[in-house]
Amino acid sequence: MPIPAPVARFNRVVTNRVTKPFAGRLPGFAVVRHRGRKSGRAYATPVNIFRHGDRYVAALTYGPDCDWVRNVVAAGECELDVRGRTVRLTEPEIVHDPTRAAVPPAVRPILAVIGVTDFLHLKAPPGR
């Protein structure tokens, strides 16, 4: 059960604009830089994301059909502003995981409460 559409709209218009300047520096957050599938326009979207082995895992709090996810999957790559640096990520894969195994144990109950079971896995370059 992803976040309801009115809440998603509010977050896109208000919350994302407020958090975007510092989301790339906070633990558990980052800014995904991607291009529109049709427009080619550049976008920057704050996300909840975690490192898991050689991958970054984004919690899809709005579900797998939101625009930024569709843009990244269509492009096959994106850039991530995380902890003060920019990392190019590839091989996006949407993973349905009700156990939330790829995110830190402390985060799993929070994601469970809001019904998040879909994640975007992205491959990081070696050493990143």
C-alpha atoms as a PDB file:
ATOM      1  CA  MET A   1       0.000   0.000   0.000  1.00  0.00           C
ATOM      2  CA  PRO A   2       1.982   3.024  -1.206  1.00  0.00           C
ATOM      3  CA  ILE A   3       1.480   6.491   0.218  1.00  0.00           C
ATOM      4  CA  PRO A   4      -1.884   8.005  -0.877  1.00  0.00           C
ATOM      5  CA  ALA A   5      -1.875  10.287  -3.947  1.00  0.00           C
ATOM      6  CA  PRO A   6      -2.745  13.529  -2.060  1.00  0.00           C
ATOM      7  CA  VAL A   7       0.175  12.972   0.334  1.00  0.00           C
ATOM      8  CA  ALA A   8       2.474  12.189  -2.597  1.00  0.00           C
ATOM      9  CA  ARG A   9       1.450  15.432  -4.334  1.00  0.00           C
ATOM     10  CA  PHE A  10       2.066  17.446  -1.157  1.00  0.00           C
ATOM     11  CA  ASN A  11       5.484  15.845  -0.728  1.00  0.00           C
ATOM     12  CA  ARG A  12       6.423  16.500  -4.365  1.00  0.00           C
ATOM     13  CA  VAL A  13       5.378  20.159  -4.196  1.00  0.00           C
ATOM     14  CA  VAL A  14       6.406  21.055  -0.639  1.00  0.00           C
ATOM     15  CA  THR A  15       8.463  18.449   1.224  1.00  0.00           C
ATOM     16  CA  ASN A  16      10.819  17.586  -1.652  1.00  0.00           C
ATOM     17  CA  ARG A  17      11.674  21.249  -2.208  1.00  0.00           C
ATOM     18  CA  VAL A  18      12.489  21.689   1.459  1.00  0.00           C
ATOM     19  CA  THR A  19      14.550  18.487   1.827  1.00  0.00           C
ATOM     20  CA  LYS A  20      16.372  18.475  -1.531  1.00  0.00           C
ATOM     21  CA  PRO A  21      19.170  20.884  -0.477  1.00  0.00           C
ATOM     22  CA  PHE A  22      20.351  18.625   2.358  1.00  0.00           C
ATOM     23  CA  ALA A  23      18.980  15.140   1.519  1.00  0.00           C
ATOM     24  CA  GLY A  24      22.234  14.217  -0.243  1.00  0.00           C
ATOM     25  CA  ARG A  25      24.150  14.583   3.020  1.00  0.00           C
ATOM     26  CA  LEU A  26      21.889  12.833   5.555  1.00  0.00           C
ATOM     27  CA  PRO A  27      22.194   9.115   6.404  1.00  0.00           C
ATOM     28  CA  GLY A  28      19.425   7.109   4.752  1.00  0.00           C
ATOM     29  CA  PHE A  29      18.692   9.846   2.223  1.00  0.00           C
ATOM     30  CA  ALA A  30      20.045  10.917  -1.138  1.00  0.00           C
ATOM     31  CA  VAL A  31      19.042  12.835  -4.249  1.00  0.00           C
ATOM     32  CA  VAL A  32      18.507  10.857  -7.445  1.00  0.00           C
ATOM     33  CA  ARG A  33      19.363  12.809 -10.600  1.00  0.00           C
ATOM     34  CA  HIS A  34      17.539  11.509 -13.672  1.00  0.00           C
ATOM     35  CA  ARG A  35      16.047  12.618 -16.998  1.00  0.00           C
ATOM     36  CA  GLY A  36      12.435  12.549 -18.087  1.00  0.00           C
ATOM     37  CA  ARG A  37      11.597   9.659 -20.416  1.00  0.00           C
ATOM     38  CA  LYS A  38       9.756  11.882 -22.884  1.00  0.00           C
ATOM     39  CA  SER A  39      10.874  15.423 -22.128  1.00  0.00           C
ATOM     40  CA  GLY A  40      14.563  14.767 -21.506  1.00  0.00           C
ATOM     41  CA  ARG A  41      14.279  17.326 -18.709  1.00  0.00           C
ATOM     42  CA  ALA A  42      16.682  16.936 -15.755  1.00  0.00           C
ATOM     43  CA  TYR A  43      15.109  16.119 -12.391  1.00  0.00           C
ATOM     44  CA  ALA A  44      16.427  15.757  -8.842  1.00  0.00           C
ATOM     45  CA  THR A  45      14.328  13.673  -6.455  1.00  0.00           C
ATOM     46  CA  PRO A  46      15.049  13.145  -2.733  1.00  0.00           C
ATOM     47  CA  VAL A  47      14.757   9.461  -1.763  1.00  0.00           C
ATOM     48  CA  ASN A  48      15.277   7.065   1.129  1.00  0.00           C
ATOM     49  CA  ILE A  49      18.206   4.904   0.089  1.00  0.00           C
ATOM     50  CA  PHE A  50      20.575   2.461   1.750  1.00  0.00           C
ATOM     51  CA  ARG A  51      23.780   0.660   0.810  1.00  0.00           C
ATOM     52  CA  HIS A  52      23.521  -3.137   0.522  1.00  0.00           C
ATOM     53  CA  GLY A  53      26.668  -4.860  -0.731  1.00  0.00           C
ATOM     54  CA  ASP A  54      27.519  -3.557  -4.218  1.00  0.00           C
ATOM     55  CA  ARG A  55      24.088  -1.963  -4.567  1.00  0.00           C
ATOM     56  CA  TYR A  56      22.093   0.975  -3.358  1.00  0.00           C
ATOM     57  CA  VAL A  57      18.501   0.156  -2.428  1.00  0.00           C
ATOM     58  CA  ALA A  58      15.800   2.834  -2.624  1.00  0.00           C
ATOM     59  CA  ALA A  59      12.584   2.327  -0.697  1.00  0.00           C
ATOM     60  CA  LEU A  60       9.735   2.956  -3.139  1.00  0.00           C
ATOM     61  CA  THR A  61       7.436   4.753  -0.712  1.00  0.00           C
ATOM     62  CA  TYR A  62       5.177   5.853  -3.596  1.00  0.00           C
ATOM     63  CA  GLY A  63       5.277   2.490  -5.347  1.00  0.00           C
ATOM     64  CA  PRO A  64       7.173   1.280  -8.434  1.00  0.00           C
ATOM     65  CA  ASP A  65       5.090   3.285 -10.926  1.00  0.00           C
ATOM     66  CA  CYS A  66       6.135   6.796  -9.869  1.00  0.00           C
ATOM     67  CA  ASP A  67       7.812   8.933 -12.520  1.00  0.00           C
ATOM     68  CA  TRP A  68      11.327   9.017 -11.108  1.00  0.00           C
ATOM     69  CA  VAL A  69      11.466   5.205 -10.918  1.00  0.00           C
ATOM     70  CA  ARG A  70      10.110   4.818 -14.451  1.00  0.00           C
ATOM     71  CA  ASN A  71      12.673   7.384 -15.694  1.00  0.00           C
ATOM     72  CA  VAL A  72      15.604   5.587 -14.068  1.00  0.00           C
ATOM     73  CA  VAL A  73      14.491   2.145 -15.258  1.00  0.00           C
ATOM     74  CA  ALA A  74      13.954   3.435 -18.818  1.00  0.00           C
ATOM     75  CA  ALA A  75      17.396   5.104 -18.878  1.00  0.00           C
ATOM     76  CA  GLY A  76      19.143   2.162 -17.212  1.00  0.00           C
ATOM     77  CA  GLU A  77      21.111   4.551 -15.025  1.00  0.00           C
ATOM     78  CA  CYS A  78      21.063   7.640 -12.823  1.00  0.00           C
ATOM     79  CA  GLU A  79      23.312   9.715 -10.625  1.00  0.00           C
ATOM     80  CA  LEU A  80      23.007   9.736  -6.874  1.00  0.00           C
ATOM     81  CA  ASP A  81      24.082  12.587  -4.619  1.00  0.00           C
ATOM     82  CA  VAL A  82      24.860  10.738  -1.417  1.00  0.00           C
ATOM     83  CA  ARG A  83      26.864  11.771   1.637  1.00  0.00           C
ATOM     84  CA  GLY A  84      28.411  14.722  -0.190  1.00  0.00           C
ATOM     85  CA  ARG A  85      29.509  12.923  -3.372  1.00  0.00           C
ATOM     86  CA  THR A  86      27.967  11.952  -6.706  1.00  0.00           C
ATOM     87  CA  VAL A  87      27.857   8.297  -7.768  1.00  0.00           C
ATOM     88  CA  ARG A  88      26.726   6.959 -11.149  1.00  0.00           C
ATOM     89  CA  LEU A  89      24.451   3.952 -10.682  1.00  0.00           C
ATOM     90  CA  THR A  90      23.403   1.383 -13.285  1.00  0.00           C
ATOM     91  CA  GLU A  91      21.338  -1.777 -13.721  1.00  0.00           C
ATOM     92  CA  PRO A  92      18.150  -0.590 -12.010  1.00  0.00           C
ATOM     93  CA  GLU A  93      15.935  -3.452 -10.881  1.00  0.00           C
ATOM     94  CA  ILE A  94      12.580  -3.249  -9.124  1.00  0.00           C
ATOM     95  CA  VAL A  95      12.444  -5.850  -6.361  1.00  0.00           C
ATOM     96  CA  HIS A  96       9.307  -6.817  -4.429  1.00  0.00           C
ATOM     97  CA  ASP A  97      10.422  -7.869  -0.932  1.00  0.00           C
ATOM     98  CA  PRO A  98       7.868  -8.012   1.896  1.00  0.00           C
ATOM     99  CA  THR A  99      10.703  -8.942   4.308  1.00  0.00           C
ATOM    100  CA  ARG A 100      12.572  -5.690   3.479  1.00  0.00           C
ATOM    101  CA  ALA A 101      15.824  -7.690   3.812  1.00  0.00           C
ATOM    102  CA  ALA A 102      18.041  -5.234   1.896  1.00  0.00           C
ATOM    103  CA  VAL A 103      17.404  -2.285   4.240  1.00  0.00           C
ATOM    104  CA  PRO A 104      18.803  -1.852   7.753  1.00  0.00           C
ATOM    105  CA  PRO A 105      16.893  -3.771  10.447  1.00  0.00           C
ATOM    106  CA  ALA A 106      16.015  -0.550  12.307  1.00  0.00           C
ATOM    107  CA  VAL A 107      14.291   0.822   9.177  1.00  0.00           C
ATOM    108  CA  ARG A 108      12.194  -2.274   8.395  1.00  0.00           C
ATOM    109  CA  PRO A 109       9.434  -1.620  10.958  1.00  0.00           C
ATOM    110  CA  ILE A 110       8.990   1.967   9.731  1.00  0.00           C
ATOM    111  CA  LEU A 111       8.658   0.793   6.134  1.00  0.00           C
ATOM    112  CA  ALA A 112       6.276  -1.948   7.287  1.00  0.00           C
ATOM    113  CA  VAL A 113       3.971   0.596   8.954  1.00  0.00           C
ATOM    114  CA  ILE A 114       3.629   2.550   5.699  1.00  0.00           C
ATOM    115  CA  GLY A 115       3.355  -0.639   3.646  1.00  0.00           C
ATOM    116  CA  VAL A 116       6.547  -0.403   1.594  1.00  0.00           C
ATOM    117  CA  THR A 117       7.430  -3.737  -0.032  1.00  0.00           C
ATOM    118  CA  ASP A 118       8.961  -2.532  -3.318  1.00  0.00           C
ATOM    119  CA  PHE A 119      12.532  -1.352  -3.750  1.00  0.00           C
ATOM    120  CA  LEU A 120      14.742  -0.126  -6.564  1.00  0.00           C
ATOM    121  CA  HIS A 121      18.151  -1.843  -6.530  1.00  0.00           C
ATOM    122  CA  LEU A 122      20.926   0.029  -8.344  1.00  0.00           C
ATOM    123  CA  LYS A 123      24.459  -1.209  -8.977  1.00  0.00           C
ATOM    124  CA  ALA A 124      27.288   0.955  -7.705  1.00  0.00           C
ATOM    125  CA  PRO A 125      30.697   1.092  -9.376  1.00  0.00           C
ATOM    126  CA  PRO A 126      33.474  -0.858  -7.599  1.00  0.00           C
ATOM    127  CA  GLY A 127      34.774   0.958  -4.528  1.00  0.00           C
ATOM    128  CA  ARG A 128      31.791   3.303  -4.277  1.00  0.00           C
END
